[in-house]
Amino acid sequence: MNFPLISAWPHVYDALRSPRPYKQPWPAERAQQYVREQAGAHFDPHLVAVLEGIFPLLENTQTRLADAGSELPVPARQSIPA
């Protein structure tokens, strides 16, 4: 079992779908196509086949968590002792 091929996709998918200071988020279709294209190279092809069936669930979860993130409290800043 090749754990890097199994564990890499969530990080990559989240990075593609999330806004960053240096880029806009990719549309879901583009990110999903990228995952498909990388099956066998960067992602386990059997896992990509499973992901095909749950992409809608992933999108729903990401949207729900992104919406919840705007409601999360911002931690108070703490000063660092000198």
PDB file of N, CA and C in Angstrom:
ATOM      1  N   MET A   1       0.856  -1.177   0.000  1.00  0.00           N
ATOM      2  CA  MET A   1       0.000   0.000   0.000  1.00  0.00           C
ATOM      3  C   MET A   1       0.902   1.240   0.000  1.00  0.00           C
ATOM      4  N   ASN A   2       0.579   2.186  -0.838  1.00  0.00           N
ATOM      5  CA  ASN A   2       1.391   3.390  -0.980  1.00  0.00           C
ATOM      6  C   ASN A   2       0.691   4.557  -0.272  1.00  0.00           C
ATOM      7  N   PHE A   3       1.049   4.780   0.982  1.00  0.00           N
ATOM      8  CA  PHE A   3       0.361   5.793   1.777  1.00  0.00           C
ATOM      9  C   PHE A   3       0.470   7.207   1.224  1.00  0.00           C
ATOM     10  N   PRO A   4       1.601   7.619   0.651  1.00  0.00           N
ATOM     11  CA  PRO A   4       1.629   8.975   0.077  1.00  0.00           C
ATOM     12  C   PRO A   4       0.595   9.166  -1.034  1.00  0.00           C
ATOM     13  N   LEU A   5       0.388   8.144  -1.869  1.00  0.00           N
ATOM     14  CA  LEU A   5      -0.621   8.260  -2.919  1.00  0.00           C
ATOM     15  C   LEU A   5      -2.028   8.301  -2.347  1.00  0.00           C
ATOM     16  N   ILE A   6      -2.209   7.713  -1.187  1.00  0.00           N
ATOM     17  CA  ILE A   6      -3.520   7.695  -0.549  1.00  0.00           C
ATOM     18  C   ILE A   6      -3.775   8.990   0.222  1.00  0.00           C
ATOM     19  N   SER A   7      -2.765   9.480   0.913  1.00  0.00           N
ATOM     20  CA  SER A   7      -2.977  10.624   1.801  1.00  0.00           C
ATOM     21  C   SER A   7      -2.784  11.974   1.130  1.00  0.00           C
ATOM     22  N   ALA A   8      -2.273  12.022  -0.076  1.00  0.00           N
ATOM     23  CA  ALA A   8      -1.982  13.307  -0.718  1.00  0.00           C
ATOM     24  C   ALA A   8      -3.234  14.028  -1.208  1.00  0.00           C
ATOM     25  N   TRP A   9      -4.229  13.293  -1.690  1.00  0.00           N
ATOM     26  CA  TRP A   9      -5.347  13.939  -2.361  1.00  0.00           C
ATOM     27  C   TRP A   9      -6.125  14.937  -1.500  1.00  0.00           C
ATOM     28  N   PRO A  10      -6.371  14.696  -0.190  1.00  0.00           N
ATOM     29  CA  PRO A  10      -7.156  15.697   0.555  1.00  0.00           C
ATOM     30  C   PRO A  10      -6.448  17.045   0.620  1.00  0.00           C
ATOM     31  N   HIS A  11      -5.142  17.016   0.774  1.00  0.00           N
ATOM     32  CA  HIS A  11      -4.385  18.272   0.855  1.00  0.00           C
ATOM     33  C   HIS A  11      -4.408  19.003  -0.481  1.00  0.00           C
ATOM     34  N   VAL A  12      -4.212  18.266  -1.535  1.00  0.00           N
ATOM     35  CA  VAL A  12      -4.201  18.870  -2.868  1.00  0.00           C
ATOM     36  C   VAL A  12      -5.585  19.406  -3.211  1.00  0.00           C
ATOM     37  N   TYR A  13      -6.615  18.603  -2.985  1.00  0.00           N
ATOM     38  CA  TYR A  13      -7.983  19.022  -3.327  1.00  0.00           C
ATOM     39  C   TYR A  13      -8.379  20.267  -2.542  1.00  0.00           C
ATOM     40  N   ASP A  14      -8.068  20.285  -1.258  1.00  0.00           N
ATOM     41  CA  ASP A  14      -8.382  21.462  -0.438  1.00  0.00           C
ATOM     42  C   ASP A  14      -7.615  22.688  -0.929  1.00  0.00           C
ATOM     43  N   ALA A  15      -6.353  22.507  -1.266  1.00  0.00           N
ATOM     44  CA  ALA A  15      -5.553  23.634  -1.748  1.00  0.00           C
ATOM     45  C   ALA A  15      -6.098  24.170  -3.069  1.00  0.00           C
ATOM     46  N   LEU A  16      -6.529  23.289  -3.944  1.00  0.00           N
ATOM     47  CA  LEU A  16      -7.080  23.737  -5.222  1.00  0.00           C
ATOM     48  C   LEU A  16      -8.410  24.463  -5.044  1.00  0.00           C
ATOM     49  N   ARG A  17      -9.245  23.968  -4.147  1.00  0.00           N
ATOM     50  CA  ARG A  17     -10.597  24.525  -3.975  1.00  0.00           C
ATOM     51  C   ARG A  17     -10.655  25.732  -3.046  1.00  0.00           C
ATOM     52  N   SER A  18      -9.601  25.990  -2.300  1.00  0.00           N
ATOM     53  CA  SER A  18      -9.601  27.080  -1.324  1.00  0.00           C
ATOM     54  C   SER A  18      -8.891  28.318  -1.880  1.00  0.00           C
ATOM     55  N   PRO A  19      -9.384  29.494  -1.514  1.00  0.00           N
ATOM     56  CA  PRO A  19      -8.658  30.707  -1.924  1.00  0.00           C
ATOM     57  C   PRO A  19      -7.353  30.818  -1.145  1.00  0.00           C
ATOM     58  N   ARG A  20      -6.370  31.348  -1.792  1.00  0.00           N
ATOM     59  CA  ARG A  20      -5.073  31.613  -1.176  1.00  0.00           C
ATOM     60  C   ARG A  20      -4.702  33.046  -1.508  1.00  0.00           C
ATOM     61  N   PRO A  21      -3.802  33.645  -0.753  1.00  0.00           N
ATOM     62  CA  PRO A  21      -3.424  35.030  -1.061  1.00  0.00           C
ATOM     63  C   PRO A  21      -2.880  35.197  -2.477  1.00  0.00           C
ATOM     64  N   TYR A  22      -2.350  34.135  -3.046  1.00  0.00           N
ATOM     65  CA  TYR A  22      -1.718  34.201  -4.358  1.00  0.00           C
ATOM     66  C   TYR A  22      -2.567  33.610  -5.482  1.00  0.00           C
ATOM     67  N   LYS A  23      -3.779  33.105  -5.174  1.00  0.00           N
ATOM     68  CA  LYS A  23      -4.615  32.517  -6.229  1.00  0.00           C
ATOM     69  C   LYS A  23      -6.076  32.458  -5.804  1.00  0.00           C
ATOM     70  N   GLN A  24      -6.925  32.395  -6.805  1.00  0.00           N
ATOM     71  CA  GLN A  24      -8.352  32.181  -6.583  1.00  0.00           C
ATOM     72  C   GLN A  24      -8.615  30.676  -6.486  1.00  0.00           C
ATOM     73  N   PRO A  25      -9.705  30.272  -5.826  1.00  0.00           N
ATOM     74  CA  PRO A  25     -10.012  28.835  -5.769  1.00  0.00           C
ATOM     75  C   PRO A  25     -10.395  28.316  -7.152  1.00  0.00           C
ATOM     76  N   TRP A  26     -10.025  27.084  -7.421  1.00  0.00           N
ATOM     77  CA  TRP A  26     -10.425  26.449  -8.669  1.00  0.00           C
ATOM     78  C   TRP A  26     -11.884  26.037  -8.565  1.00  0.00           C
ATOM     79  N   PRO A  27     -12.625  26.065  -9.660  1.00  0.00           N
ATOM     80  CA  PRO A  27     -13.993  25.506  -9.652  1.00  0.00           C
ATOM     81  C   PRO A  27     -13.932  24.003  -9.349  1.00  0.00           C
ATOM     82  N   ALA A  28     -14.994  23.476  -8.789  1.00  0.00           N
ATOM     83  CA  ALA A  28     -15.037  22.056  -8.415  1.00  0.00           C
ATOM     84  C   ALA A  28     -14.715  21.155  -9.603  1.00  0.00           C
ATOM     85  N   GLU A  29     -15.284  21.450 -10.764  1.00  0.00           N
ATOM     86  CA  GLU A  29     -15.072  20.607 -11.934  1.00  0.00           C
ATOM     87  C   GLU A  29     -13.591  20.555 -12.319  1.00  0.00           C
ATOM     88  N   ARG A  30     -12.919  21.689 -12.261  1.00  0.00           N
ATOM     89  CA  ARG A  30     -11.500  21.731 -12.630  1.00  0.00           C
ATOM     90  C   ARG A  30     -10.656  20.943 -11.629  1.00  0.00           C
ATOM     91  N   ALA A  31     -10.933  21.109 -10.332  1.00  0.00           N
ATOM     92  CA  ALA A  31     -10.180  20.384  -9.302  1.00  0.00           C
ATOM     93  C   ALA A  31     -10.415  18.883  -9.421  1.00  0.00           C
ATOM     94  N   GLN A  32     -11.648  18.487  -9.682  1.00  0.00           N
ATOM     95  CA  GLN A  32     -11.958  17.071  -9.825  1.00  0.00           C
ATOM     96  C   GLN A  32     -11.278  16.487 -11.064  1.00  0.00           C
ATOM     97  N   GLN A  33     -11.254  17.244 -12.146  1.00  0.00           N
ATOM     98  CA  GLN A  33     -10.578  16.781 -13.350  1.00  0.00           C
ATOM     99  C   GLN A  33      -9.081  16.610 -13.096  1.00  0.00           C
ATOM    100  N   TYR A  34      -8.495  17.529 -12.339  1.00  0.00           N
ATOM    101  CA  TYR A  34      -7.080  17.420 -12.004  1.00  0.00           C
ATOM    102  C   TYR A  34      -6.811  16.132 -11.225  1.00  0.00           C
ATOM    103  N   VAL A  35      -7.665  15.825 -10.259  1.00  0.00           N
ATOM    104  CA  VAL A  35      -7.499  14.591  -9.478  1.00  0.00           C
ATOM    105  C   VAL A  35      -7.582  13.382 -10.409  1.00  0.00           C
ATOM    106  N   ARG A  36      -8.554  13.389 -11.332  1.00  0.00           N
ATOM    107  CA  ARG A  36      -8.674  12.279 -12.284  1.00  0.00           C
ATOM    108  C   ARG A  36      -7.401  12.138 -13.124  1.00  0.00           C
ATOM    109  N   GLU A  37      -6.884  13.260 -13.606  1.00  0.00           N
ATOM    110  CA  GLU A  37      -5.696  13.237 -14.456  1.00  0.00           C
ATOM    111  C   GLU A  37      -4.459  12.716 -13.715  1.00  0.00           C
ATOM    112  N   GLN A  38      -4.427  12.912 -12.402  1.00  0.00           N
ATOM    113  CA  GLN A  38      -3.265  12.502 -11.613  1.00  0.00           C
ATOM    114  C   GLN A  38      -3.390  11.100 -11.044  1.00  0.00           C
ATOM    115  N   ALA A  39      -4.488  10.409 -11.369  1.00  0.00           N
ATOM    116  CA  ALA A  39      -4.655   9.013 -10.916  1.00  0.00           C
ATOM    117  C   ALA A  39      -3.517   8.170 -11.476  1.00  0.00           C
ATOM    118  N   GLY A  40      -2.835   7.482 -10.603  1.00  0.00           N
ATOM    119  CA  GLY A  40      -1.719   6.645 -10.999  1.00  0.00           C
ATOM    120  C   GLY A  40      -0.380   7.351 -10.933  1.00  0.00           C
ATOM    121  N   ALA A  41      -0.394   8.680 -10.977  1.00  0.00           N
ATOM    122  CA  ALA A  41       0.852   9.444 -10.892  1.00  0.00           C
ATOM    123  C   ALA A  41       1.038   9.979  -9.476  1.00  0.00           C
ATOM    124  N   HIS A  42       0.083  10.786  -9.035  1.00  0.00           N
ATOM    125  CA  HIS A  42       0.170  11.372  -7.694  1.00  0.00           C
ATOM    126  C   HIS A  42      -0.865  10.813  -6.727  1.00  0.00           C
ATOM    127  N   PHE A  43      -1.914  10.195  -7.272  1.00  0.00           N
ATOM    128  CA  PHE A  43      -2.983   9.649  -6.427  1.00  0.00           C
ATOM    129  C   PHE A  43      -3.231   8.196  -6.800  1.00  0.00           C
ATOM    130  N   ASP A  44      -3.567   7.395  -5.807  1.00  0.00           N
ATOM    131  CA  ASP A  44      -3.872   5.994  -6.030  1.00  0.00           C
ATOM    132  C   ASP A  44      -5.088   5.892  -6.965  1.00  0.00           C
ATOM    133  N   PRO A  45      -4.974   5.179  -8.082  1.00  0.00           N
ATOM    134  CA  PRO A  45      -6.081   5.120  -9.033  1.00  0.00           C
ATOM    135  C   PRO A  45      -7.347   4.465  -8.479  1.00  0.00           C
ATOM    136  N   HIS A  46      -7.187   3.504  -7.577  1.00  0.00           N
ATOM    137  CA  HIS A  46      -8.364   2.876  -6.970  1.00  0.00           C
ATOM    138  C   HIS A  46      -9.089   3.867  -6.073  1.00  0.00           C
ATOM    139  N   LEU A  47      -8.318   4.684  -5.381  1.00  0.00           N
ATOM    140  CA  LEU A  47      -8.914   5.698  -4.521  1.00  0.00           C
ATOM    141  C   LEU A  47      -9.626   6.761  -5.350  1.00  0.00           C
ATOM    142  N   VAL A  48      -9.044   7.150  -6.469  1.00  0.00           N
ATOM    143  CA  VAL A  48      -9.685   8.137  -7.339  1.00  0.00           C
ATOM    144  C   VAL A  48     -11.026   7.596  -7.843  1.00  0.00           C
ATOM    145  N   ALA A  49     -11.079   6.301  -8.133  1.00  0.00           N
ATOM    146  CA  ALA A  49     -12.342   5.693  -8.560  1.00  0.00           C
ATOM    147  C   ALA A  49     -13.400   5.813  -7.464  1.00  0.00           C
ATOM    148  N   VAL A  50     -12.996   5.652  -6.215  1.00  0.00           N
ATOM    149  CA  VAL A  50     -13.920   5.808  -5.086  1.00  0.00           C
ATOM    150  C   VAL A  50     -14.328   7.271  -4.943  1.00  0.00           C
ATOM    151  N   LEU A  51     -13.370   8.176  -5.093  1.00  0.00           N
ATOM    152  CA  LEU A  51     -13.656   9.605  -4.959  1.00  0.00           C
ATOM    153  C   LEU A  51     -14.691  10.070  -5.970  1.00  0.00           C
ATOM    154  N   GLU A  52     -14.687   9.470  -7.155  1.00  0.00           N
ATOM    155  CA  GLU A  52     -15.666   9.829  -8.185  1.00  0.00           C
ATOM    156  C   GLU A  52     -17.084   9.786  -7.617  1.00  0.00           C
ATOM    157  N   GLY A  53     -17.343   8.825  -6.770  1.00  0.00           N
ATOM    158  CA  GLY A  53     -18.680   8.672  -6.213  1.00  0.00           C
ATOM    159  C   GLY A  53     -18.995   9.605  -5.058  1.00  0.00           C
ATOM    160  N   ILE A  54     -17.966  10.215  -4.477  1.00  0.00           N
ATOM    161  CA  ILE A  54     -18.235  11.072  -3.313  1.00  0.00           C
ATOM    162  C   ILE A  54     -17.847  12.534  -3.530  1.00  0.00           C
ATOM    163  N   PHE A  55     -17.504  12.913  -4.765  1.00  0.00           N
ATOM    164  CA  PHE A  55     -17.185  14.322  -5.003  1.00  0.00           C
ATOM    165  C   PHE A  55     -18.324  15.244  -4.554  1.00  0.00           C
ATOM    166  N   PRO A  56     -19.599  14.900  -4.814  1.00  0.00           N
ATOM    167  CA  PRO A  56     -20.677  15.786  -4.322  1.00  0.00           C
ATOM    168  C   PRO A  56     -20.663  15.932  -2.794  1.00  0.00           C
ATOM    169  N   LEU A  57     -20.392  14.855  -2.085  1.00  0.00           N
ATOM    170  CA  LEU A  57     -20.310  14.908  -0.625  1.00  0.00           C
ATOM    171  C   LEU A  57     -19.139  15.789  -0.181  1.00  0.00           C
ATOM    172  N   LEU A  58     -18.001  15.659  -0.857  1.00  0.00           N
ATOM    173  CA  LEU A  58     -16.841  16.495  -0.529  1.00  0.00           C
ATOM    174  C   LEU A  58     -17.165  17.974  -0.710  1.00  0.00           C
ATOM    175  N   GLU A  59     -17.832  18.295  -1.804  1.00  0.00           N
ATOM    176  CA  GLU A  59     -18.185  19.694  -2.072  1.00  0.00           C
ATOM    177  C   GLU A  59     -19.168  20.220  -1.037  1.00  0.00           C
ATOM    178  N   ASN A  60     -20.143  19.398  -0.696  1.00  0.00           N
ATOM    179  CA  ASN A  60     -21.119  19.798   0.313  1.00  0.00           C
ATOM    180  C   ASN A  60     -20.435  20.047   1.646  1.00  0.00           C
ATOM    181  N   THR A  61     -19.539  19.169   2.034  1.00  0.00           N
ATOM    182  CA  THR A  61     -18.817  19.308   3.299  1.00  0.00           C
ATOM    183  C   THR A  61     -17.929  20.539   3.289  1.00  0.00           C
ATOM    184  N   GLN A  62     -17.218  20.757   2.185  1.00  0.00           N
ATOM    185  CA  GLN A  62     -16.338  21.921   2.109  1.00  0.00           C
ATOM    186  C   GLN A  62     -17.136  23.215   2.185  1.00  0.00           C
ATOM    187  N   THR A  63     -18.270  23.269   1.510  1.00  0.00           N
ATOM    188  CA  THR A  63     -19.121  24.459   1.554  1.00  0.00           C
ATOM    189  C   THR A  63     -19.639  24.694   2.959  1.00  0.00           C
ATOM    190  N   ARG A  64     -20.088  23.627   3.597  1.00  0.00           N
ATOM    191  CA  ARG A  64     -20.621  23.745   4.961  1.00  0.00           C
ATOM    192  C   ARG A  64     -19.551  24.235   5.934  1.00  0.00           C
ATOM    193  N   LEU A  65     -18.349  23.679   5.820  1.00  0.00           N
ATOM    194  CA  LEU A  65     -17.270  24.087   6.718  1.00  0.00           C
ATOM    195  C   LEU A  65     -16.798  25.504   6.423  1.00  0.00           C
ATOM    196  N   ALA A  66     -16.772  25.889   5.157  1.00  0.00           N
ATOM    197  CA  ALA A  66     -16.372  27.251   4.802  1.00  0.00           C
ATOM    198  C   ALA A  66     -17.379  28.252   5.356  1.00  0.00           C
ATOM    199  N   ASP A  67     -18.671  27.920   5.253  1.00  0.00           N
ATOM    200  CA  ASP A  67     -19.701  28.793   5.799  1.00  0.00           C
ATOM    201  C   ASP A  67     -19.604  28.879   7.316  1.00  0.00           C
ATOM    202  N   ALA A  68     -19.314  27.761   7.969  1.00  0.00           N
ATOM    203  CA  ALA A  68     -19.181  27.740   9.431  1.00  0.00           C
ATOM    204  C   ALA A  68     -17.960  28.530   9.868  1.00  0.00           C
ATOM    205  N   GLY A  69     -16.933  28.550   9.038  1.00  0.00           N
ATOM    206  CA  GLY A  69     -15.700  29.256   9.385  1.00  0.00           C
ATOM    207  C   GLY A  69     -15.914  30.730   9.602  1.00  0.00           C
ATOM    208  N   SER A  70     -16.870  31.320   8.903  1.00  0.00           N
ATOM    209  CA  SER A  70     -17.126  32.747   9.076  1.00  0.00           C
ATOM    210  C   SER A  70     -17.817  33.029  10.401  1.00  0.00           C
ATOM    211  N   GLU A  71     -18.358  31.991  11.024  1.00  0.00           N
ATOM    212  CA  GLU A  71     -19.048  32.161  12.298  1.00  0.00           C
ATOM    213  C   GLU A  71     -18.178  31.774  13.490  1.00  0.00           C
ATOM    214  N   LEU A  72     -17.004  31.242  13.226  1.00  0.00           N
ATOM    215  CA  LEU A  72     -16.136  30.831  14.319  1.00  0.00           C
ATOM    216  C   LEU A  72     -15.531  32.059  15.002  1.00  0.00           C
ATOM    217  N   PRO A  73     -15.387  32.007  16.320  1.00  0.00           N
ATOM    218  CA  PRO A  73     -14.793  33.152  17.024  1.00  0.00           C
ATOM    219  C   PRO A  73     -13.319  33.299  16.665  1.00  0.00           C
ATOM    220  N   VAL A  74     -12.894  34.508  16.591  1.00  0.00           N
ATOM    221  CA  VAL A  74     -11.475  34.802  16.326  1.00  0.00           C
ATOM    222  C   VAL A  74     -10.749  34.772  17.658  1.00  0.00           C
ATOM    223  N   PRO A  75      -9.667  34.002  17.795  1.00  0.00           N
ATOM    224  CA  PRO A  75      -8.968  33.952  19.069  1.00  0.00           C
ATOM    225  C   PRO A  75      -8.345  35.316  19.400  1.00  0.00           C
ATOM    226  N   ALA A  76      -8.351  35.619  20.673  1.00  0.00           N
ATOM    227  CA  ALA A  76      -7.754  36.880  21.123  1.00  0.00           C
ATOM    228  C   ALA A  76      -6.254  36.824  20.937  1.00  0.00           C
ATOM    229  N   ARG A  77      -5.676  37.937  20.579  1.00  0.00           N
ATOM    230  CA  ARG A  77      -4.225  37.995  20.433  1.00  0.00           C
ATOM    231  C   ARG A  77      -3.588  37.991  21.803  1.00  0.00           C
ATOM    232  N   GLN A  78      -2.522  37.267  21.893  1.00  0.00           N
ATOM    233  CA  GLN A  78      -1.777  37.214  23.148  1.00  0.00           C
ATOM    234  C   GLN A  78      -0.397  37.776  22.902  1.00  0.00           C
ATOM    235  N   SER A  79       0.043  38.587  23.845  1.00  0.00           N
ATOM    236  CA  SER A  79       1.396  39.108  23.676  1.00  0.00           C
ATOM    237  C   SER A  79       2.415  38.079  24.162  1.00  0.00           C
ATOM    238  N   ILE A  80       3.551  38.114  23.548  1.00  0.00           N
ATOM    239  CA  ILE A  80       4.631  37.206  23.919  1.00  0.00           C
ATOM    240  C   ILE A  80       5.488  37.892  24.967  1.00  0.00           C
ATOM    241  N   PRO A  81       5.694  37.227  26.099  1.00  0.00           N
ATOM    242  CA  PRO A  81       6.501  37.845  27.144  1.00  0.00           C
ATOM    243  C   PRO A  81       7.924  38.122  26.650  1.00  0.00           C
ATOM    244  N   ALA A  82       8.459  39.249  27.063  1.00  0.00           N
ATOM    245  CA  ALA A  82       9.822  39.628  26.648  1.00  0.00           C
ATOM    246  C   ALA A  82      10.861  38.902  27.462  1.00  0.00           C
TER     247      ALA A  82
END
